[in-house]
Amino acid sequence: MLLSWKHSGFSVDNSVRVAGADHKARVSLAQYIARAPFSLEKLRYDELAGKALYHSTHNPYLGENLKVWDALDFLALATSFIPPQGVRLIRYFGLYSSRSRWKWPLWQHVAAHAPLGWKRTHEQDSTNPKPEPPTRTLPESASRSAWARLIAQVYEVNPLLCPRCASEMRVLAVITDAAEVKKILRHLIKIACPPPASIPRC
């Protein structure tokens, strides 16, 4: 049944090995991986029928040299290899992981076996060290305005404007102690004044 399966051409054959010292084979493999999935010269679009036609050389295995899709089906197939935004398809483990790679200069036994490109780059960095940028600190007033600006940009609400009189407010204190927060909330409930929501009640 597998031999009669009319597959898309993807192969899982691992009989061909590429040696680490075989530069020509590595270049050929890289060119094969980086090649385009299809040629625009062989692609035609029939506007009247809404079909995408792909002409290629005759494939004796598939027994055809023309493939026809609906326009939307072709777009779905052509973009199926594009991952969603923020999704990573390549993951590195061990010494190539992001957690370990920055430690290579600290491990002499690992740096000795690192690729030549990495060695050249880090040799240049060691001979020409970059000056460290000066640390910049913002005054308290600037940090408060930046905080309010970011909140307003995300939630489209200015947190420093009073919802009653629209006058500007300022932060007096930030309470992070859970016991103090509960104490304040219990007091507001006791005086029949719950915490302010979108419209304050007291």
N, C-alpha and C. Protein backbone atom coordinates (compact mmCIF):
# COMPACT_ATOMS: atom_id res chain seq x y z
N MET A 1 0.83 -1.20 0.00
CA MET A 1 0.00 0.00 0.00
C MET A 1 0.87 1.26 0.00
N LEU A 2 2.01 1.18 0.72
CA LEU A 2 2.90 2.34 0.73
C LEU A 2 3.50 2.59 -0.65
N LEU A 3 3.83 1.51 -1.37
CA LEU A 3 4.42 1.69 -2.70
C LEU A 3 3.41 2.26 -3.69
N SER A 4 2.13 2.03 -3.50
CA SER A 4 1.11 2.56 -4.40
C SER A 4 0.61 3.93 -3.97
N TRP A 5 1.14 4.47 -2.87
CA TRP A 5 0.67 5.76 -2.37
C TRP A 5 1.20 6.87 -3.25
N LYS A 6 0.32 7.73 -3.75
CA LYS A 6 0.70 8.84 -4.60
C LYS A 6 1.00 10.04 -3.71
N HIS A 7 2.23 10.05 -3.19
CA HIS A 7 2.57 11.09 -2.20
C HIS A 7 3.01 12.37 -2.92
N SER A 8 3.27 13.41 -2.12
CA SER A 8 3.59 14.73 -2.66
C SER A 8 5.06 14.89 -3.03
N GLY A 9 5.89 13.90 -2.76
CA GLY A 9 7.30 13.99 -3.09
C GLY A 9 8.19 14.10 -1.87
N PHE A 10 7.63 14.23 -0.68
CA PHE A 10 8.44 14.31 0.54
C PHE A 10 9.07 12.94 0.82
N SER A 11 10.34 12.95 1.16
CA SER A 11 11.07 11.71 1.38
C SER A 11 11.61 11.66 2.80
N VAL A 12 11.52 10.51 3.42
CA VAL A 12 12.08 10.30 4.75
C VAL A 12 13.25 9.33 4.69
N ASP A 13 13.85 9.18 3.53
CA ASP A 13 14.98 8.27 3.36
C ASP A 13 16.21 8.86 4.03
N ASN A 14 16.84 8.13 4.93
CA ASN A 14 18.04 8.60 5.61
C ASN A 14 19.28 7.80 5.23
N SER A 15 19.23 7.18 4.04
CA SER A 15 20.39 6.39 3.61
C SER A 15 21.53 7.28 3.14
N VAL A 16 21.23 8.52 2.73
CA VAL A 16 22.27 9.43 2.27
C VAL A 16 22.78 10.22 3.47
N ARG A 17 24.05 10.09 3.76
CA ARG A 17 24.66 10.77 4.90
C ARG A 17 25.59 11.86 4.39
N VAL A 18 25.70 12.95 5.15
CA VAL A 18 26.60 14.06 4.83
C VAL A 18 27.66 14.11 5.91
N ALA A 19 28.91 13.91 5.51
CA ALA A 19 30.02 13.93 6.47
C ALA A 19 30.31 15.37 6.88
N GLY A 20 30.81 15.54 8.09
CA GLY A 20 31.08 16.88 8.58
C GLY A 20 32.17 17.60 7.81
N ALA A 21 33.13 16.85 7.26
CA ALA A 21 34.24 17.47 6.53
C ALA A 21 33.95 17.63 5.05
N ASP A 22 32.81 17.15 4.56
CA ASP A 22 32.47 17.22 3.14
C ASP A 22 31.81 18.57 2.86
N HIS A 23 32.64 19.57 2.51
CA HIS A 23 32.11 20.93 2.30
C HIS A 23 31.17 21.00 1.10
N LYS A 24 31.48 20.30 0.02
CA LYS A 24 30.64 20.34 -1.18
C LYS A 24 29.26 19.76 -0.89
N ALA A 25 29.21 18.66 -0.14
CA ALA A 25 27.92 18.06 0.19
C ALA A 25 27.11 18.97 1.10
N ARG A 26 27.77 19.65 2.02
CA ARG A 26 27.05 20.57 2.89
C ARG A 26 26.48 21.75 2.13
N VAL A 27 27.23 22.27 1.15
CA VAL A 27 26.73 23.37 0.33
C VAL A 27 25.53 22.92 -0.50
N SER A 28 25.62 21.73 -1.07
CA SER A 28 24.50 21.21 -1.86
C SER A 28 23.25 21.03 -1.00
N LEU A 29 23.44 20.52 0.21
CA LEU A 29 22.30 20.34 1.11
C LEU A 29 21.69 21.67 1.51
N ALA A 30 22.54 22.67 1.76
CA ALA A 30 22.03 23.99 2.12
C ALA A 30 21.26 24.62 0.96
N GLN A 31 21.75 24.45 -0.27
CA GLN A 31 21.05 24.97 -1.43
C GLN A 31 19.71 24.26 -1.63
N TYR A 32 19.67 22.97 -1.35
CA TYR A 32 18.41 22.23 -1.48
C TYR A 32 17.39 22.71 -0.45
N ILE A 33 17.86 22.98 0.77
CA ILE A 33 16.94 23.43 1.82
C ILE A 33 16.44 24.83 1.53
N ALA A 34 17.31 25.70 0.99
CA ALA A 34 16.96 27.10 0.80
C ALA A 34 16.24 27.37 -0.51
N ARG A 35 16.07 26.38 -1.34
CA ARG A 35 15.43 26.63 -2.63
C ARG A 35 13.95 26.92 -2.47
N ALA A 36 13.40 27.63 -3.44
CA ALA A 36 11.99 28.00 -3.39
C ALA A 36 11.11 26.76 -3.57
N PRO A 37 9.92 26.74 -2.94
CA PRO A 37 9.06 25.56 -3.07
C PRO A 37 8.51 25.37 -4.47
N PHE A 38 8.39 26.45 -5.25
CA PHE A 38 7.94 26.32 -6.63
C PHE A 38 8.51 27.48 -7.44
N SER A 39 8.48 27.33 -8.76
CA SER A 39 9.02 28.34 -9.67
C SER A 39 7.90 29.22 -10.21
N LEU A 40 8.09 30.52 -10.13
CA LEU A 40 7.08 31.44 -10.66
C LEU A 40 7.01 31.38 -12.18
N GLU A 41 8.10 30.97 -12.84
CA GLU A 41 8.09 30.87 -14.30
C GLU A 41 7.15 29.77 -14.79
N LYS A 42 6.93 28.75 -13.95
CA LYS A 42 6.07 27.64 -14.34
C LYS A 42 4.63 27.82 -13.87
N LEU A 43 4.36 28.91 -13.18
CA LEU A 43 3.03 29.12 -12.60
C LEU A 43 2.23 30.07 -13.47
N ARG A 44 1.01 29.70 -13.74
CA ARG A 44 0.09 30.53 -14.53
C ARG A 44 -1.24 30.63 -13.79
N TYR A 45 -1.92 31.76 -14.00
CA TYR A 45 -3.22 31.96 -13.35
C TYR A 45 -4.27 32.22 -14.42
N ASP A 46 -5.29 31.39 -14.42
CA ASP A 46 -6.42 31.55 -15.33
C ASP A 46 -7.47 32.40 -14.62
N GLU A 47 -7.53 33.69 -14.99
CA GLU A 47 -8.41 34.62 -14.29
C GLU A 47 -9.87 34.29 -14.52
N LEU A 48 -10.23 33.84 -15.72
CA LEU A 48 -11.64 33.55 -16.02
C LEU A 48 -12.14 32.35 -15.21
N ALA A 49 -11.34 31.30 -15.15
CA ALA A 49 -11.75 30.10 -14.43
C ALA A 49 -11.38 30.15 -12.95
N GLY A 50 -10.52 31.10 -12.56
CA GLY A 50 -10.08 31.16 -11.17
C GLY A 50 -9.22 29.99 -10.78
N LYS A 51 -8.37 29.53 -11.70
CA LYS A 51 -7.53 28.36 -11.46
C LYS A 51 -6.06 28.74 -11.50
N ALA A 52 -5.26 28.05 -10.72
CA ALA A 52 -3.81 28.18 -10.75
C ALA A 52 -3.23 26.95 -11.43
N LEU A 53 -2.44 27.15 -12.48
CA LEU A 53 -1.87 26.05 -13.26
C LEU A 53 -0.35 26.05 -13.09
N TYR A 54 0.19 24.89 -12.83
CA TYR A 54 1.63 24.75 -12.65
C TYR A 54 2.15 23.73 -13.66
N HIS A 55 2.96 24.20 -14.62
CA HIS A 55 3.56 23.34 -15.65
C HIS A 55 4.98 22.98 -15.22
N SER A 56 5.32 21.72 -15.32
CA SER A 56 6.67 21.25 -15.00
C SER A 56 7.07 20.17 -16.00
N THR A 57 8.30 19.68 -15.86
CA THR A 57 8.71 18.57 -16.71
C THR A 57 7.93 17.32 -16.33
N HIS A 58 7.81 16.42 -17.28
CA HIS A 58 7.00 15.22 -17.04
C HIS A 58 7.62 14.37 -15.94
N ASN A 59 6.80 14.05 -14.97
CA ASN A 59 7.23 13.22 -13.86
C ASN A 59 6.78 11.79 -14.13
N PRO A 60 7.73 10.87 -14.39
CA PRO A 60 7.31 9.50 -14.70
C PRO A 60 6.64 8.80 -13.53
N TYR A 61 6.94 9.22 -12.32
CA TYR A 61 6.32 8.57 -11.17
C TYR A 61 4.87 9.02 -11.03
N LEU A 62 4.63 10.34 -11.13
CA LEU A 62 3.27 10.84 -11.02
C LEU A 62 2.51 10.73 -12.33
N GLY A 63 3.25 10.62 -13.44
CA GLY A 63 2.59 10.46 -14.74
C GLY A 63 1.91 11.71 -15.23
N GLU A 64 2.41 12.89 -14.87
CA GLU A 64 1.79 14.14 -15.31
C GLU A 64 2.82 15.25 -15.25
N ASN A 65 2.53 16.33 -15.96
CA ASN A 65 3.38 17.51 -15.93
C ASN A 65 2.57 18.78 -15.72
N LEU A 66 1.31 18.64 -15.32
CA LEU A 66 0.44 19.78 -15.10
C LEU A 66 -0.40 19.53 -13.85
N LYS A 67 -0.44 20.55 -13.00
CA LYS A 67 -1.25 20.48 -11.79
C LYS A 67 -2.15 21.71 -11.76
N VAL A 68 -3.42 21.49 -11.44
CA VAL A 68 -4.42 22.56 -11.44
C VAL A 68 -5.07 22.63 -10.06
N TRP A 69 -5.15 23.85 -9.53
CA TRP A 69 -5.83 24.08 -8.24
C TRP A 69 -6.81 25.25 -8.40
N ASP A 70 -7.78 25.27 -7.52
CA ASP A 70 -8.55 26.50 -7.34
C ASP A 70 -7.64 27.55 -6.72
N ALA A 71 -7.94 28.80 -6.98
CA ALA A 71 -7.05 29.87 -6.52
C ALA A 71 -6.89 29.86 -5.00
N LEU A 72 -7.99 29.72 -4.28
CA LEU A 72 -7.91 29.73 -2.82
C LEU A 72 -7.20 28.49 -2.28
N ASP A 73 -7.42 27.34 -2.93
CA ASP A 73 -6.74 26.13 -2.51
C ASP A 73 -5.23 26.25 -2.72
N PHE A 74 -4.83 26.87 -3.83
CA PHE A 74 -3.41 27.05 -4.09
C PHE A 74 -2.77 27.97 -3.06
N LEU A 75 -3.47 29.07 -2.71
CA LEU A 75 -2.92 29.97 -1.69
C LEU A 75 -2.80 29.27 -0.35
N ALA A 76 -3.78 28.43 -0.01
CA ALA A 76 -3.72 27.70 1.26
C ALA A 76 -2.55 26.74 1.29
N LEU A 77 -2.31 26.04 0.18
CA LEU A 77 -1.19 25.10 0.13
C LEU A 77 0.15 25.83 0.11
N ALA A 78 0.23 26.96 -0.61
CA ALA A 78 1.49 27.67 -0.74
C ALA A 78 1.91 28.34 0.56
N THR A 79 0.95 28.68 1.40
CA THR A 79 1.28 29.36 2.66
C THR A 79 1.18 28.43 3.87
N SER A 80 0.97 27.14 3.64
CA SER A 80 0.81 26.22 4.77
C SER A 80 2.11 26.05 5.55
N PHE A 81 3.27 26.32 4.92
CA PHE A 81 4.53 26.15 5.63
C PHE A 81 4.88 27.37 6.47
N ILE A 82 4.13 28.45 6.37
CA ILE A 82 4.41 29.65 7.16
C ILE A 82 3.83 29.47 8.55
N PRO A 83 4.63 29.51 9.59
CA PRO A 83 4.10 29.27 10.93
C PRO A 83 3.32 30.47 11.43
N PRO A 84 2.43 30.28 12.38
CA PRO A 84 1.73 31.43 12.98
C PRO A 84 2.71 32.36 13.67
N GLN A 85 2.29 33.59 13.87
CA GLN A 85 3.16 34.57 14.49
C GLN A 85 3.50 34.15 15.92
N GLY A 86 4.79 34.20 16.22
CA GLY A 86 5.25 33.86 17.56
C GLY A 86 5.54 32.40 17.79
N VAL A 87 5.27 31.54 16.80
CA VAL A 87 5.50 30.11 16.95
C VAL A 87 6.89 29.76 16.44
N ARG A 88 7.66 29.06 17.23
CA ARG A 88 9.01 28.65 16.85
C ARG A 88 8.99 27.20 16.41
N LEU A 89 9.53 26.96 15.21
CA LEU A 89 9.59 25.60 14.68
C LEU A 89 10.96 24.96 14.85
N ILE A 90 11.98 25.77 15.10
CA ILE A 90 13.34 25.26 15.28
C ILE A 90 13.72 25.45 16.74
N ARG A 91 14.07 24.37 17.40
CA ARG A 91 14.47 24.43 18.80
C ARG A 91 15.87 23.82 18.94
N TYR A 92 16.68 24.48 19.74
CA TYR A 92 18.05 24.03 19.97
C TYR A 92 18.18 23.52 21.40
N PHE A 93 18.92 22.43 21.54
CA PHE A 93 19.11 21.82 22.84
C PHE A 93 20.60 21.68 23.12
N GLY A 94 20.92 21.39 24.36
CA GLY A 94 22.31 21.15 24.72
C GLY A 94 23.16 22.40 24.60
N LEU A 95 24.33 22.25 23.99
CA LEU A 95 25.27 23.37 23.88
C LEU A 95 24.76 24.46 22.94
N TYR A 96 23.82 24.13 22.03
CA TYR A 96 23.31 25.13 21.09
C TYR A 96 22.07 25.85 21.63
N SER A 97 21.61 25.51 22.81
CA SER A 97 20.46 26.20 23.37
C SER A 97 20.85 27.62 23.76
N SER A 98 19.86 28.50 23.81
CA SER A 98 20.14 29.90 24.13
C SER A 98 20.70 30.06 25.54
N ARG A 99 20.38 29.12 26.43
CA ARG A 99 20.89 29.21 27.80
C ARG A 99 22.37 28.88 27.88
N SER A 100 22.84 28.01 26.99
CA SER A 100 24.23 27.56 27.07
C SER A 100 25.15 28.27 26.09
N ARG A 101 24.60 28.84 25.01
CA ARG A 101 25.49 29.35 23.96
C ARG A 101 26.31 30.54 24.44
N TRP A 102 25.76 31.40 25.29
CA TRP A 102 26.53 32.55 25.74
C TRP A 102 27.64 32.16 26.70
N LYS A 103 27.62 30.92 27.19
CA LYS A 103 28.66 30.46 28.11
C LYS A 103 29.85 29.84 27.40
N TRP A 104 29.81 29.73 26.08
CA TRP A 104 30.91 29.09 25.36
C TRP A 104 32.27 29.73 25.67
N PRO A 105 32.39 31.06 25.71
CA PRO A 105 33.73 31.61 26.02
C PRO A 105 34.23 31.23 27.40
N LEU A 106 33.33 30.89 28.32
CA LEU A 106 33.75 30.51 29.67
C LEU A 106 34.21 29.06 29.73
N TRP A 107 33.82 28.25 28.75
CA TRP A 107 34.19 26.83 28.74
C TRP A 107 35.23 26.61 27.65
N GLN A 108 36.48 26.51 28.05
CA GLN A 108 37.56 26.38 27.07
C GLN A 108 37.44 25.08 26.27
N HIS A 109 37.00 24.00 26.92
CA HIS A 109 36.89 22.73 26.19
C HIS A 109 35.78 22.77 25.14
N VAL A 110 34.78 23.63 25.34
CA VAL A 110 33.72 23.78 24.34
C VAL A 110 34.15 24.76 23.26
N ALA A 111 34.76 25.88 23.65
CA ALA A 111 35.20 26.88 22.68
C ALA A 111 36.23 26.31 21.71
N ALA A 112 37.01 25.32 22.15
CA ALA A 112 38.01 24.73 21.26
C ALA A 112 37.38 23.99 20.10
N HIS A 113 36.16 23.47 20.28
CA HIS A 113 35.47 22.72 19.23
C HIS A 113 34.38 23.54 18.55
N ALA A 114 34.31 24.85 18.82
CA ALA A 114 33.28 25.70 18.23
C ALA A 114 33.55 25.91 16.74
N PRO A 115 32.53 26.27 15.94
CA PRO A 115 32.75 26.52 14.51
C PRO A 115 33.73 27.67 14.30
N LEU A 116 34.37 27.67 13.12
CA LEU A 116 35.39 28.69 12.83
C LEU A 116 34.79 30.09 12.80
N GLY A 117 33.57 30.21 12.28
CA GLY A 117 32.95 31.53 12.23
C GLY A 117 32.74 32.11 13.61
N TRP A 118 32.34 31.27 14.54
CA TRP A 118 32.14 31.72 15.92
C TRP A 118 33.47 32.14 16.54
N LYS A 119 34.53 31.37 16.25
CA LYS A 119 35.84 31.70 16.81
C LYS A 119 36.35 33.03 16.28
N ARG A 120 36.19 33.27 14.96
CA ARG A 120 36.66 34.54 14.38
C ARG A 120 35.91 35.72 15.00
N THR A 121 34.61 35.58 15.14
CA THR A 121 33.81 36.68 15.71
C THR A 121 34.23 36.99 17.13
N HIS A 122 34.42 35.96 17.95
CA HIS A 122 34.76 36.20 19.35
C HIS A 122 36.21 36.62 19.52
N GLU A 123 37.09 36.24 18.59
CA GLU A 123 38.45 36.75 18.65
C GLU A 123 38.48 38.24 18.37
N GLN A 124 37.66 38.70 17.41
CA GLN A 124 37.58 40.13 17.13
C GLN A 124 36.98 40.88 18.31
N ASP A 125 35.97 40.29 18.94
CA ASP A 125 35.36 40.94 20.09
C ASP A 125 36.33 41.06 21.26
N SER A 126 37.20 40.04 21.41
CA SER A 126 38.15 40.08 22.52
C SER A 126 39.27 41.07 22.26
N THR A 127 39.72 41.23 20.98
CA THR A 127 40.78 42.20 20.66
C THR A 127 40.24 43.62 20.62
N ASN A 128 38.98 43.81 20.22
CA ASN A 128 38.37 45.13 20.16
C ASN A 128 37.14 45.16 21.05
N PRO A 129 37.34 45.24 22.34
CA PRO A 129 36.17 45.24 23.23
C PRO A 129 35.34 46.51 23.02
N LYS A 130 34.04 46.33 23.02
CA LYS A 130 33.14 47.46 22.84
C LYS A 130 32.97 48.18 24.17
N PRO A 131 33.00 49.51 24.14
CA PRO A 131 32.78 50.24 25.40
C PRO A 131 31.36 50.04 25.91
N GLU A 132 31.26 49.88 27.20
CA GLU A 132 29.95 49.68 27.78
C GLU A 132 29.15 50.98 27.74
N PRO A 133 27.89 50.91 27.34
CA PRO A 133 27.08 52.13 27.28
C PRO A 133 26.85 52.67 28.68
N PRO A 134 26.83 53.98 28.82
CA PRO A 134 26.60 54.55 30.16
C PRO A 134 25.18 54.25 30.63
N THR A 135 25.09 53.98 31.91
CA THR A 135 23.78 53.70 32.48
C THR A 135 23.01 55.00 32.66
N ARG A 136 21.75 54.94 32.28
CA ARG A 136 20.91 56.12 32.36
C ARG A 136 19.76 55.84 33.33
N THR A 137 19.56 56.77 34.21
CA THR A 137 18.48 56.65 35.17
C THR A 137 17.50 57.78 34.93
N LEU A 138 16.23 57.48 35.02
CA LEU A 138 15.19 58.48 34.83
C LEU A 138 14.78 59.06 36.17
N PRO A 139 14.47 60.34 36.20
CA PRO A 139 13.94 60.89 37.45
C PRO A 139 12.58 60.30 37.76
N GLU A 140 12.16 60.45 39.01
CA GLU A 140 10.91 59.84 39.46
C GLU A 140 9.72 60.37 38.68
N SER A 141 9.72 61.66 38.38
CA SER A 141 8.59 62.24 37.63
C SER A 141 8.51 61.67 36.22
N ALA A 142 9.68 61.47 35.57
CA ALA A 142 9.68 60.92 34.21
C ALA A 142 9.23 59.47 34.21
N SER A 143 9.63 58.70 35.24
CA SER A 143 9.20 57.30 35.30
C SER A 143 7.70 57.20 35.52
N ARG A 144 7.12 58.10 36.32
CA ARG A 144 5.68 58.08 36.54
C ARG A 144 4.93 58.41 35.25
N SER A 145 5.43 59.38 34.50
CA SER A 145 4.77 59.74 33.25
C SER A 145 4.88 58.61 32.22
N ALA A 146 6.03 57.93 32.21
CA ALA A 146 6.19 56.81 31.28
C ALA A 146 5.24 55.67 31.64
N TRP A 147 5.09 55.41 32.94
CA TRP A 147 4.16 54.37 33.38
C TRP A 147 2.74 54.71 32.95
N ALA A 148 2.30 55.93 33.16
CA ALA A 148 0.95 56.33 32.78
C ALA A 148 0.77 56.29 31.28
N ARG A 149 1.81 56.65 30.53
CA ARG A 149 1.71 56.64 29.07
C ARG A 149 1.55 55.22 28.55
N LEU A 150 2.27 54.26 29.12
CA LEU A 150 2.16 52.88 28.67
C LEU A 150 0.79 52.30 29.02
N ILE A 151 0.28 52.61 30.20
CA ILE A 151 -1.06 52.14 30.58
C ILE A 151 -2.11 52.71 29.62
N ALA A 152 -1.98 53.98 29.30
CA ALA A 152 -2.94 54.61 28.39
C ALA A 152 -2.84 54.03 26.99
N GLN A 153 -1.65 53.65 26.57
CA GLN A 153 -1.48 53.09 25.23
C GLN A 153 -2.08 51.69 25.13
N VAL A 154 -2.02 50.91 26.21
CA VAL A 154 -2.53 49.55 26.17
C VAL A 154 -4.03 49.51 26.40
N TYR A 155 -4.49 50.19 27.45
CA TYR A 155 -5.90 50.10 27.84
C TYR A 155 -6.74 51.27 27.34
N GLU A 156 -6.11 52.23 26.65
CA GLU A 156 -6.80 53.41 26.11
C GLU A 156 -7.53 54.18 27.21
N VAL A 157 -6.95 54.18 28.40
CA VAL A 157 -7.49 54.92 29.53
C VAL A 157 -6.31 55.56 30.25
N ASN A 158 -6.44 56.85 30.56
CA ASN A 158 -5.38 57.53 31.29
C ASN A 158 -5.56 57.27 32.78
N PRO A 159 -4.65 56.53 33.42
CA PRO A 159 -4.85 56.18 34.83
C PRO A 159 -4.61 57.35 35.78
N LEU A 160 -4.07 58.45 35.30
CA LEU A 160 -3.79 59.58 36.16
C LEU A 160 -4.83 60.68 36.06
N LEU A 161 -5.97 60.38 35.41
CA LEU A 161 -7.06 61.35 35.34
C LEU A 161 -8.18 60.89 36.26
N CYS A 162 -8.69 61.79 37.07
CA CYS A 162 -9.77 61.47 37.98
C CYS A 162 -11.05 61.21 37.19
N PRO A 163 -11.73 60.08 37.43
CA PRO A 163 -12.96 59.79 36.68
C PRO A 163 -14.10 60.73 37.06
N ARG A 164 -13.98 61.47 38.16
CA ARG A 164 -15.05 62.40 38.57
C ARG A 164 -14.88 63.78 37.94
N CYS A 165 -13.72 64.40 38.24
CA CYS A 165 -13.50 65.79 37.80
C CYS A 165 -12.52 65.92 36.66
N ALA A 166 -11.93 64.81 36.21
CA ALA A 166 -10.98 64.79 35.09
C ALA A 166 -9.71 65.58 35.38
N SER A 167 -9.44 65.82 36.66
CA SER A 167 -8.19 66.49 37.01
C SER A 167 -7.07 65.45 37.16
N GLU A 168 -5.83 65.90 37.08
CA GLU A 168 -4.70 64.98 37.13
C GLU A 168 -4.45 64.52 38.56
N MET A 169 -4.21 63.22 38.71
CA MET A 169 -3.90 62.64 40.01
C MET A 169 -2.44 62.23 40.05
N ARG A 170 -1.95 61.94 41.24
CA ARG A 170 -0.58 61.45 41.40
C ARG A 170 -0.56 60.28 42.37
N VAL A 171 0.41 59.42 42.20
CA VAL A 171 0.52 58.22 43.03
C VAL A 171 1.16 58.60 44.36
N LEU A 172 0.47 58.30 45.45
CA LEU A 172 0.99 58.58 46.78
C LEU A 172 1.78 57.41 47.34
N ALA A 173 1.27 56.19 47.12
CA ALA A 173 1.95 55.01 47.65
C ALA A 173 1.48 53.78 46.88
N VAL A 174 2.30 52.76 46.89
CA VAL A 174 1.97 51.46 46.29
C VAL A 174 2.01 50.42 47.40
N ILE A 175 0.86 49.83 47.70
CA ILE A 175 0.75 48.87 48.79
C ILE A 175 0.82 47.46 48.20
N THR A 176 1.80 46.70 48.63
CA THR A 176 1.98 45.33 48.17
C THR A 176 1.76 44.30 49.27
N ASP A 177 1.60 44.75 50.51
CA ASP A 177 1.38 43.82 51.61
C ASP A 177 -0.06 43.32 51.56
N ALA A 178 -0.24 42.00 51.48
CA ALA A 178 -1.58 41.43 51.35
C ALA A 178 -2.45 41.75 52.56
N ALA A 179 -1.87 41.75 53.75
CA ALA A 179 -2.65 42.03 54.96
C ALA A 179 -3.18 43.46 54.95
N GLU A 180 -2.35 44.40 54.51
CA GLU A 180 -2.80 45.79 54.45
C GLU A 180 -3.88 45.99 53.40
N VAL A 181 -3.74 45.30 52.26
CA VAL A 181 -4.76 45.41 51.21
C VAL A 181 -6.10 44.88 51.71
N LYS A 182 -6.09 43.73 52.41
CA LYS A 182 -7.34 43.18 52.95
C LYS A 182 -7.94 44.12 53.99
N LYS A 183 -7.10 44.75 54.78
CA LYS A 183 -7.58 45.68 55.80
C LYS A 183 -8.29 46.86 55.16
N ILE A 184 -7.73 47.39 54.08
CA ILE A 184 -8.35 48.52 53.39
C ILE A 184 -9.66 48.11 52.74
N LEU A 185 -9.68 46.93 52.14
CA LEU A 185 -10.91 46.47 51.49
C LEU A 185 -12.01 46.22 52.51
N ARG A 186 -11.66 45.64 53.67
CA ARG A 186 -12.67 45.43 54.71
C ARG A 186 -13.23 46.75 55.21
N HIS A 187 -12.38 47.78 55.32
CA HIS A 187 -12.85 49.09 55.76
C HIS A 187 -13.80 49.71 54.74
N LEU A 188 -13.50 49.56 53.46
CA LEU A 188 -14.38 50.11 52.42
C LEU A 188 -15.73 49.40 52.43
N ILE A 189 -15.73 48.09 52.66
CA ILE A 189 -17.00 47.37 52.73
C ILE A 189 -17.79 47.78 53.98
N LYS A 190 -17.06 48.03 55.06
CA LYS A 190 -17.72 48.41 56.32
C LYS A 190 -18.44 49.74 56.20
N ILE A 191 -17.87 50.67 55.48
CA ILE A 191 -18.50 51.99 55.33
C ILE A 191 -19.38 52.04 54.10
N ALA A 192 -19.69 50.86 53.52
CA ALA A 192 -20.59 50.77 52.35
C ALA A 192 -20.04 51.55 51.16
N CYS A 193 -18.75 51.48 50.98
CA CYS A 193 -18.11 52.14 49.84
C CYS A 193 -17.14 51.15 49.21
N PRO A 194 -17.59 50.31 48.27
CA PRO A 194 -16.71 49.31 47.66
C PRO A 194 -15.61 49.97 46.85
N PRO A 195 -14.60 49.22 46.49
CA PRO A 195 -13.52 49.78 45.66
C PRO A 195 -14.06 50.36 44.38
N PRO A 196 -13.52 51.48 43.93
CA PRO A 196 -14.06 52.14 42.71
C PRO A 196 -13.88 51.27 41.49
N ALA A 197 -14.92 51.20 40.68
CA ALA A 197 -14.86 50.49 39.39
C ALA A 197 -14.76 51.55 38.31
N SER A 198 -15.47 51.35 37.22
CA SER A 198 -15.43 52.35 36.16
C SER A 198 -16.11 53.65 36.59
N ILE A 199 -17.16 53.55 37.50
CA ILE A 199 -17.85 54.72 38.01
C ILE A 199 -17.79 54.66 39.53
N PRO A 200 -17.03 55.52 40.19
CA PRO A 200 -16.93 55.46 41.65
C PRO A 200 -18.29 55.74 42.30
N ARG A 201 -18.55 55.09 43.45
CA ARG A 201 -19.80 55.26 44.17
C ARG A 201 -19.67 56.16 45.38
N CYS A 202 -18.46 56.50 45.77
CA CYS A 202 -18.29 57.36 46.95
C CYS A 202 -17.26 58.42 46.68
